[in-house]
C-alpha atoms as a PDB file:
ATOM      1  CA  UNK A   1     -49.066   3.339  24.670  1.00  0.00           C
ATOM      2  CA  UNK A   2     -46.149   3.109  27.023  1.00  0.00           C
ATOM      3  CA  UNK A   3     -45.816  -0.544  26.351  1.00  0.00           C
ATOM      4  CA  UNK A   4     -46.112  -0.044  22.564  1.00  0.00           C
ATOM      5  CA  UNK A   5     -43.250   2.624  22.742  1.00  0.00           C
ATOM      6  CA  UNK A   6     -41.167   0.251  24.759  1.00  0.00           C
ATOM      7  CA  UNK A   7     -41.604  -2.523  22.199  1.00  0.00           C
ATOM      8  CA  UNK A   8     -40.767  -0.279  19.378  1.00  0.00           C
ATOM      9  CA  UNK A   9     -37.668   1.025  21.127  1.00  0.00           C
ATOM     10  CA  UNK A  10     -36.591  -2.609  21.764  1.00  0.00           C
ATOM     11  CA  UNK A  11     -37.065  -3.586  18.176  1.00  0.00           C
ATOM     12  CA  UNK A  12     -35.080  -0.605  16.912  1.00  0.00           C
ATOM     13  CA  UNK A  13     -32.243  -1.432  19.283  1.00  0.00           C
ATOM     14  CA  UNK A  14     -32.308  -5.002  18.007  1.00  0.00           C
ATOM     15  CA  UNK A  15     -32.270  -3.853  14.382  1.00  0.00           C
ATOM     16  CA  UNK A  16     -29.336  -1.421  14.904  1.00  0.00           C
ATOM     17  CA  UNK A  17     -27.393  -4.122  16.776  1.00  0.00           C
ATOM     18  CA  UNK A  18     -27.924  -6.639  13.882  1.00  0.00           C
ATOM     19  CA  UNK A  19     -26.876  -4.073  11.374  1.00  0.00           C
ATOM     20  CA  UNK A  20     -23.721  -3.182  13.321  1.00  0.00           C
ATOM     21  CA  UNK A  21     -22.714  -6.798  13.518  1.00  0.00           C
ATOM     22  CA  UNK A  22     -23.383  -7.360   9.853  1.00  0.00           C
ATOM     23  CA  UNK A  23     -21.156  -4.471   8.636  1.00  0.00           C
ATOM     24  CA  UNK A  24     -17.956  -5.464   6.889  1.00  0.00           C
ATOM     25  CA  UNK A  25     -14.666  -4.964   8.756  1.00  0.00           C
ATOM     26  CA  UNK A  26     -13.739  -1.911   6.737  1.00  0.00           C
ATOM     27  CA  UNK A  27     -12.618   0.051   9.806  1.00  0.00           C
ATOM     28  CA  UNK A  28     -15.983   1.503  10.254  1.00  0.00           C
ATOM     29  CA  UNK A  29     -16.204   2.783   6.582  1.00  0.00           C
ATOM     30  CA  UNK A  30     -12.790   4.495   6.656  1.00  0.00           C
ATOM     31  CA  UNK A  31     -12.485   3.868   2.821  1.00  0.00           C
ATOM     32  CA  UNK A  32     -14.925   3.473  -0.220  1.00  0.00           C
ATOM     33  CA  UNK A  33     -12.770   0.532  -1.195  1.00  0.00           C
ATOM     34  CA  UNK A  34     -12.252  -2.116   1.652  1.00  0.00           C
ATOM     35  CA  UNK A  35      -8.484  -2.707   1.888  1.00  0.00           C
ATOM     36  CA  UNK A  36      -9.140  -6.087   3.531  1.00  0.00           C
ATOM     37  CA  UNK A  37     -10.689  -7.175   0.102  1.00  0.00           C
ATOM     38  CA  UNK A  38      -7.124  -6.838  -1.401  1.00  0.00           C
ATOM     39  CA  UNK A  39      -5.104  -9.953  -0.538  1.00  0.00           C
ATOM     40  CA  UNK A  40      -1.953  -7.993  -0.696  1.00  0.00           C
ATOM     41  CA  UNK A  41      -3.049  -5.285   1.625  1.00  0.00           C
ATOM     42  CA  UNK A  42      -4.750  -7.706   3.968  1.00  0.00           C
ATOM     43  CA  UNK A  43      -1.523  -9.585   4.522  1.00  0.00           C
ATOM     44  CA  UNK A  44       0.224  -6.585   5.679  1.00  0.00           C
ATOM     45  CA  UNK A  45      -2.244  -4.857   8.001  1.00  0.00           C
ATOM     46  CA  UNK A  46      -5.023  -5.447  10.798  1.00  0.00           C
ATOM     47  CA  UNK A  47      -8.127  -3.613  11.381  1.00  0.00           C
ATOM     48  CA  UNK A  48      -7.346  -1.275  14.516  1.00  0.00           C
ATOM     49  CA  UNK A  49     -10.415   0.871  15.921  1.00  0.00           C
ATOM     50  CA  UNK A  50      -7.779   2.908  17.658  1.00  0.00           C
ATOM     51  CA  UNK A  51      -5.668   3.709  14.644  1.00  0.00           C
ATOM     52  CA  UNK A  52      -6.041   7.087  12.983  1.00  0.00           C
ATOM     53  CA  UNK A  53      -7.368   5.588   9.764  1.00  0.00           C
ATOM     54  CA  UNK A  54      -8.810   2.307  11.265  1.00  0.00           C
ATOM     55  CA  UNK A  55      -5.704   0.078  10.217  1.00  0.00           C
ATOM     56  CA  UNK A  56      -2.194  -0.684  11.438  1.00  0.00           C
ATOM     57  CA  UNK A  57       0.716  -2.807  10.313  1.00  0.00           C
ATOM     58  CA  UNK A  58       0.296  -6.464  11.057  1.00  0.00           C
ATOM     59  CA  UNK A  59       3.201  -7.501  13.392  1.00  0.00           C
ATOM     60  CA  UNK A  60       3.474 -10.685  11.503  1.00  0.00           C
ATOM     61  CA  UNK A  61       3.865  -9.190   8.072  1.00  0.00           C
ATOM     62  CA  UNK A  62       7.323  -9.446   6.629  1.00  0.00           C
ATOM     63  CA  UNK A  63       6.892  -6.076   4.819  1.00  0.00           C
ATOM     64  CA  UNK A  64       5.270  -3.948   7.505  1.00  0.00           C
ATOM     65  CA  UNK A  65       5.681  -5.833  10.680  1.00  0.00           C
ATOM     66  CA  UNK A  66       8.826  -3.754  11.755  1.00  0.00           C
ATOM     67  CA  UNK A  67       6.433  -0.695  11.767  1.00  0.00           C
ATOM     68  CA  UNK A  68       3.827  -2.288  14.044  1.00  0.00           C
ATOM     69  CA  UNK A  69       5.536  -1.085  17.103  1.00  0.00           C
ATOM     70  CA  UNK A  70       4.625   2.506  16.501  1.00  0.00           C
ATOM     71  CA  UNK A  71       1.544   4.343  17.974  1.00  0.00           C
ATOM     72  CA  UNK A  72      -0.813   4.313  15.063  1.00  0.00           C
ATOM     73  CA  UNK A  73      -3.348   6.184  17.123  1.00  0.00           C
ATOM     74  CA  UNK A  74      -0.968   9.158  17.462  1.00  0.00           C
ATOM     75  CA  UNK A  75      -2.351  11.732  14.966  1.00  0.00           C
ATOM     76  CA  UNK A  76       0.933  13.676  14.726  1.00  0.00           C
ATOM     77  CA  UNK A  77       3.052  10.677  14.021  1.00  0.00           C
ATOM     78  CA  UNK A  78       0.684   9.414  11.429  1.00  0.00           C
ATOM     79  CA  UNK A  79       0.328  12.798   9.749  1.00  0.00           C
ATOM     80  CA  UNK A  80       4.313  12.818   9.475  1.00  0.00           C
ATOM     81  CA  UNK A  81       4.221   9.348   8.038  1.00  0.00           C
ATOM     82  CA  UNK A  82       1.392  10.429   5.624  1.00  0.00           C
ATOM     83  CA  UNK A  83       3.401  13.355   4.224  1.00  0.00           C
ATOM     84  CA  UNK A  84       6.495  11.087   3.683  1.00  0.00           C
ATOM     85  CA  UNK A  85       4.306   8.635   1.934  1.00  0.00           C
ATOM     86  CA  UNK A  86       2.698  11.190  -0.456  1.00  0.00           C
ATOM     87  CA  UNK A  87       6.287  12.528  -1.203  1.00  0.00           C
ATOM     88  CA  UNK A  88       7.275   8.990  -2.132  1.00  0.00           C
ATOM     89  CA  UNK A  89       4.199   8.428  -4.267  1.00  0.00           C
ATOM     90  CA  UNK A  90       5.163  11.724  -6.164  1.00  0.00           C
ATOM     91  CA  UNK A  91       8.657  10.789  -6.641  1.00  0.00           C
ATOM     92  CA  UNK A  92       7.789   7.515  -8.301  1.00  0.00           C
ATOM     93  CA  UNK A  93       6.424   9.537 -11.267  1.00  0.00           C
ATOM     94  CA  UNK A  94      10.228  10.003 -12.106  1.00  0.00           C
ATOM     95  CA  UNK A  95      10.179   6.329 -13.080  1.00  0.00           C
ATOM     96  CA  UNK A  96       7.731   6.931 -16.020  1.00  0.00           C
ATOM     97  CA  UNK A  97      10.177   9.574 -17.356  1.00  0.00           C
ATOM     98  CA  UNK A  98      13.120   7.379 -17.186  1.00  0.00           C
ATOM     99  CA  UNK A  99      11.189   4.592 -18.963  1.00  0.00           C
ATOM    100  CA  UNK A 100       9.930   6.808 -21.690  1.00  0.00           C
ATOM    101  CA  UNK A 101      13.422   8.396 -22.263  1.00  0.00           C
ATOM    102  CA  UNK A 102      15.142   4.896 -22.609  1.00  0.00           C
ATOM    103  CA  UNK A 103      12.420   3.561 -24.962  1.00  0.00           C
ATOM    104  CA  UNK A 104      13.056   6.783 -27.042  1.00  0.00           C
ATOM    105  CA  UNK A 105      16.777   5.943 -27.045  1.00  0.00           C
ATOM    106  CA  UNK A 106      15.915   2.258 -28.113  1.00  0.00           C
ATOM    107  CA  UNK A 107      16.997   0.737 -25.126  1.00  0.00           C
ATOM    108  CA  UNK A 108      16.114  -2.911 -24.492  1.00  0.00           C
ATOM    109  CA  UNK A 109      13.462  -4.178 -21.951  1.00  0.00           C
ATOM    110  CA  UNK A 110      16.200  -5.602 -19.697  1.00  0.00           C
ATOM    111  CA  UNK A 111      18.079  -2.421 -19.663  1.00  0.00           C
ATOM    112  CA  UNK A 112      14.915  -0.330 -18.751  1.00  0.00           C
ATOM    113  CA  UNK A 113      14.073  -2.900 -16.034  1.00  0.00           C
ATOM    114  CA  UNK A 114      17.282  -2.701 -14.373  1.00  0.00           C
ATOM    115  CA  UNK A 115      17.270   1.028 -14.514  1.00  0.00           C
ATOM    116  CA  UNK A 116      13.868   1.538 -13.025  1.00  0.00           C
ATOM    117  CA  UNK A 117      14.141  -1.239 -10.611  1.00  0.00           C
ATOM    118  CA  UNK A 118      17.608   0.289  -9.254  1.00  0.00           C
ATOM    119  CA  UNK A 119      16.223   3.657  -9.180  1.00  0.00           C
ATOM    120  CA  UNK A 120      13.036   2.644  -7.240  1.00  0.00           C
ATOM    121  CA  UNK A 121      15.153   1.336  -4.499  1.00  0.00           C
ATOM    122  CA  UNK A 122      17.002   4.641  -4.200  1.00  0.00           C
ATOM    123  CA  UNK A 123      13.910   6.470  -4.251  1.00  0.00           C
ATOM    124  CA  UNK A 124      12.612   4.440  -1.264  1.00  0.00           C
ATOM    125  CA  UNK A 125      15.863   5.057   0.558  1.00  0.00           C
ATOM    126  CA  UNK A 126      15.841   8.787  -0.168  1.00  0.00           C
ATOM    127  CA  UNK A 127      12.246   9.016   1.368  1.00  0.00           C
ATOM    128  CA  UNK A 128      13.864   8.283   4.864  1.00  0.00           C
ATOM    129  CA  UNK A 129      16.784  10.787   4.415  1.00  0.00           C
ATOM    130  CA  UNK A 130      15.493  12.686   7.480  1.00  0.00           C
ATOM    131  CA  UNK A 131      14.256   9.727   9.429  1.00  0.00           C
ATOM    132  CA  UNK A 132      17.108   7.462  10.499  1.00  0.00           C
ATOM    133  CA  UNK A 133      14.797   5.150  12.581  1.00  0.00           C
ATOM    134  CA  UNK A 134      12.351   4.790   9.764  1.00  0.00           C
ATOM    135  CA  UNK A 135      15.321   3.919   7.412  1.00  0.00           C
ATOM    136  CA  UNK A 136      16.553   1.347   9.709  1.00  0.00           C
ATOM    137  CA  UNK A 137      13.196  -0.301   9.800  1.00  0.00           C
ATOM    138  CA  UNK A 138      13.042  -0.138   5.948  1.00  0.00           C
ATOM    139  CA  UNK A 139      16.321  -1.870   5.660  1.00  0.00           C
ATOM    140  CA  UNK A 140      15.155  -4.514   8.280  1.00  0.00           C
ATOM    141  CA  UNK A 141      12.079  -5.068   6.147  1.00  0.00           C
ATOM    142  CA  UNK A 142      14.070  -5.267   2.990  1.00  0.00           C
ATOM    143  CA  UNK A 143      16.357  -7.781   4.433  1.00  0.00           C
ATOM    144  CA  UNK A 144      13.592 -10.054   5.707  1.00  0.00           C
ATOM    145  CA  UNK A 145      11.656  -9.851   2.281  1.00  0.00           C
ATOM    146  CA  UNK A 146      14.425  -9.636  -0.314  1.00  0.00           C
ATOM    147  CA  UNK A 147      17.627 -10.755   1.489  1.00  0.00           C
ATOM    148  CA  UNK A 148      19.040  -7.249   0.622  1.00  0.00           C
ATOM    149  CA  UNK A 149      18.749  -4.274   2.872  1.00  0.00           C
ATOM    150  CA  UNK A 150      18.394  -2.013  -0.133  1.00  0.00           C
ATOM    151  CA  UNK A 151      15.429  -3.683  -1.635  1.00  0.00           C
ATOM    152  CA  UNK A 152      14.618  -6.333  -4.366  1.00  0.00           C
ATOM    153  CA  UNK A 153      17.352  -6.154  -7.105  1.00  0.00           C
ATOM    154  CA  UNK A 154      16.452  -6.546 -10.663  1.00  0.00           C
ATOM    155  CA  UNK A 155      18.024 -10.064 -10.700  1.00  0.00           C
ATOM    156  CA  UNK A 156      15.941 -11.041  -7.680  1.00  0.00           C
ATOM    157  CA  UNK A 157      12.661 -10.118  -9.405  1.00  0.00           C
ATOM    158  CA  UNK A 158      13.781 -11.669 -12.742  1.00  0.00           C
ATOM    159  CA  UNK A 159      14.554 -14.907 -10.942  1.00  0.00           C
ATOM    160  CA  UNK A 160      11.090 -14.859  -9.269  1.00  0.00           C
ATOM    161  CA  UNK A 161       8.912 -13.963 -12.197  1.00  0.00           C
ATOM    162  CA  UNK A 162      11.053 -14.799 -15.237  1.00  0.00           C
ATOM    163  CA  UNK A 163      10.165 -11.703 -17.165  1.00  0.00           C
ATOM    164  CA  UNK A 164      12.014  -8.307 -17.515  1.00  0.00           C
ATOM    165  CA  UNK A 165       8.558  -6.840 -18.286  1.00  0.00           C
ATOM    166  CA  UNK A 166       7.368  -7.924 -14.812  1.00  0.00           C
ATOM    167  CA  UNK A 167      10.386  -6.440 -13.258  1.00  0.00           C
ATOM    168  CA  UNK A 168       9.384  -3.136 -14.731  1.00  0.00           C
ATOM    169  CA  UNK A 169       5.892  -3.550 -13.368  1.00  0.00           C
ATOM    170  CA  UNK A 170       7.241  -4.407  -9.925  1.00  0.00           C
ATOM    171  CA  UNK A 171       9.188  -1.187 -10.102  1.00  0.00           C
ATOM    172  CA  UNK A 172       6.054   0.882 -10.237  1.00  0.00           C
ATOM    173  CA  UNK A 173       4.049  -1.199  -7.587  1.00  0.00           C
ATOM    174  CA  UNK A 174       3.431   0.324  -4.259  1.00  0.00           C
ATOM    175  CA  UNK A 175       2.423  -1.083  -0.931  1.00  0.00           C
ATOM    176  CA  UNK A 176      -1.462  -0.972  -0.608  1.00  0.00           C
ATOM    177  CA  UNK A 177      -1.208  -1.754   3.272  1.00  0.00           C
ATOM    178  CA  UNK A 178       0.888   1.203   3.945  1.00  0.00           C
ATOM    179  CA  UNK A 179      -1.466   3.408   2.105  1.00  0.00           C
ATOM    180  CA  UNK A 180      -4.378   2.041   4.089  1.00  0.00           C
ATOM    181  CA  UNK A 181      -2.587   2.927   7.406  1.00  0.00           C
ATOM    182  CA  UNK A 182      -2.033   6.425   6.332  1.00  0.00           C
ATOM    183  CA  UNK A 183      -5.338   7.351   4.847  1.00  0.00           C
ATOM    184  CA  UNK A 184      -4.321   6.903   1.328  1.00  0.00           C
ATOM    185  CA  UNK A 185      -5.987   3.882  -0.015  1.00  0.00           C
ATOM    186  CA  UNK A 186      -8.852   5.258  -1.828  1.00  0.00           C
ATOM    187  CA  UNK A 187      -6.599   8.041  -3.359  1.00  0.00           C
ATOM    188  CA  UNK A 188      -4.303   5.501  -4.862  1.00  0.00           C
ATOM    189  CA  UNK A 189      -6.623   2.760  -5.317  1.00  0.00           C
ATOM    190  CA  UNK A 190      -6.321   2.777  -9.151  1.00  0.00           C
ATOM    191  CA  UNK A 191      -2.733   2.006  -8.847  1.00  0.00           C
ATOM    192  CA  UNK A 192      -3.498  -1.567  -7.321  1.00  0.00           C
ATOM    193  CA  UNK A 193      -4.370  -4.111  -9.878  1.00  0.00           C
ATOM    194  CA  UNK A 194      -6.857  -6.573  -8.180  1.00  0.00           C
ATOM    195  CA  UNK A 195      -8.404  -9.416  -9.979  1.00  0.00           C
ATOM    196  CA  UNK A 196     -12.082  -9.183  -8.833  1.00  0.00           C
ATOM    197  CA  UNK A 197     -13.090 -12.648 -10.443  1.00  0.00           C
ATOM    198  CA  UNK A 198     -10.582 -14.677  -8.392  1.00  0.00           C
ATOM    199  CA  UNK A 199     -10.104 -12.334  -5.435  1.00  0.00           C
ATOM    200  CA  UNK A 200      -6.231 -12.380  -6.073  1.00  0.00           C
ATOM    201  CA  UNK A 201      -3.917  -9.467  -6.625  1.00  0.00           C
ATOM    202  CA  UNK A 202      -2.298 -10.040  -9.967  1.00  0.00           C
ATOM    203  CA  UNK A 203       1.645  -9.593 -10.636  1.00  0.00           C
ATOM    204  CA  UNK A 204       0.668  -7.216 -13.268  1.00  0.00           C
ATOM    205  CA  UNK A 205       0.447  -3.691 -12.028  1.00  0.00           C
ATOM    206  CA  UNK A 206      -1.413  -0.985 -13.827  1.00  0.00           C
ATOM    207  CA  UNK A 207      -0.943   2.621 -12.679  1.00  0.00           C
ATOM    208  CA  UNK A 208      -3.414   4.931 -14.633  1.00  0.00           C
ATOM    209  CA  UNK A 209      -3.211   7.417 -11.752  1.00  0.00           C
ATOM    210  CA  UNK A 210       0.414   8.087 -12.154  1.00  0.00           C
ATOM    211  CA  UNK A 211       0.327   7.770 -15.937  1.00  0.00           C
ATOM    212  CA  UNK A 212      -2.541  10.381 -16.273  1.00  0.00           C
ATOM    213  CA  UNK A 213      -0.619  12.717 -13.784  1.00  0.00           C
ATOM    214  CA  UNK A 214       2.599  12.472 -15.721  1.00  0.00           C
ATOM    215  CA  UNK A 215       0.888  13.572 -18.898  1.00  0.00           C
ATOM    216  CA  UNK A 216      -0.816  16.452 -17.437  1.00  0.00           C
END
């Protein structure tokens, strides 16, 4: 009897071990949607078991690398960053109103693209008004990514994508990796457009969450 129980125990341990090593690296199930399945997010973050939400900025990421030096296992720090991030998401809704007002006025697509793109950069800077160190890191990241410490200009995005419509779409895009590090990936998942057939993140951004909230 004892031998039988011992064999069963050994079998159970083996099954549990097999299951553990076969679970995808979704930071132990932190999210319903795996951030590492999103190529854009995966390029900016790493799985970190010690981080509050299981993910931390990738030191090699041009976009988030400058934030990798912080302690992402520090609950107080992460809570403060999360609050800033939520305020930033909320502030982006302003762009919808700008776009709607300009469309009602008969403004051209280029005029709208320039307005929302420039305002987007201002909003990002304003989010760090009480955080000089964070603002410095943001400017450093912008400089590496766009060659401009204030962020990508309308001209930059137009030259890259050749479409003012895409410039508008980029103004509404948010960094999925940052959301993953701050416990917000599932909450804003519908704001990331991921091509599930190819595994690539499309340049076209669809934001149903913001649109629905603005209409409420």
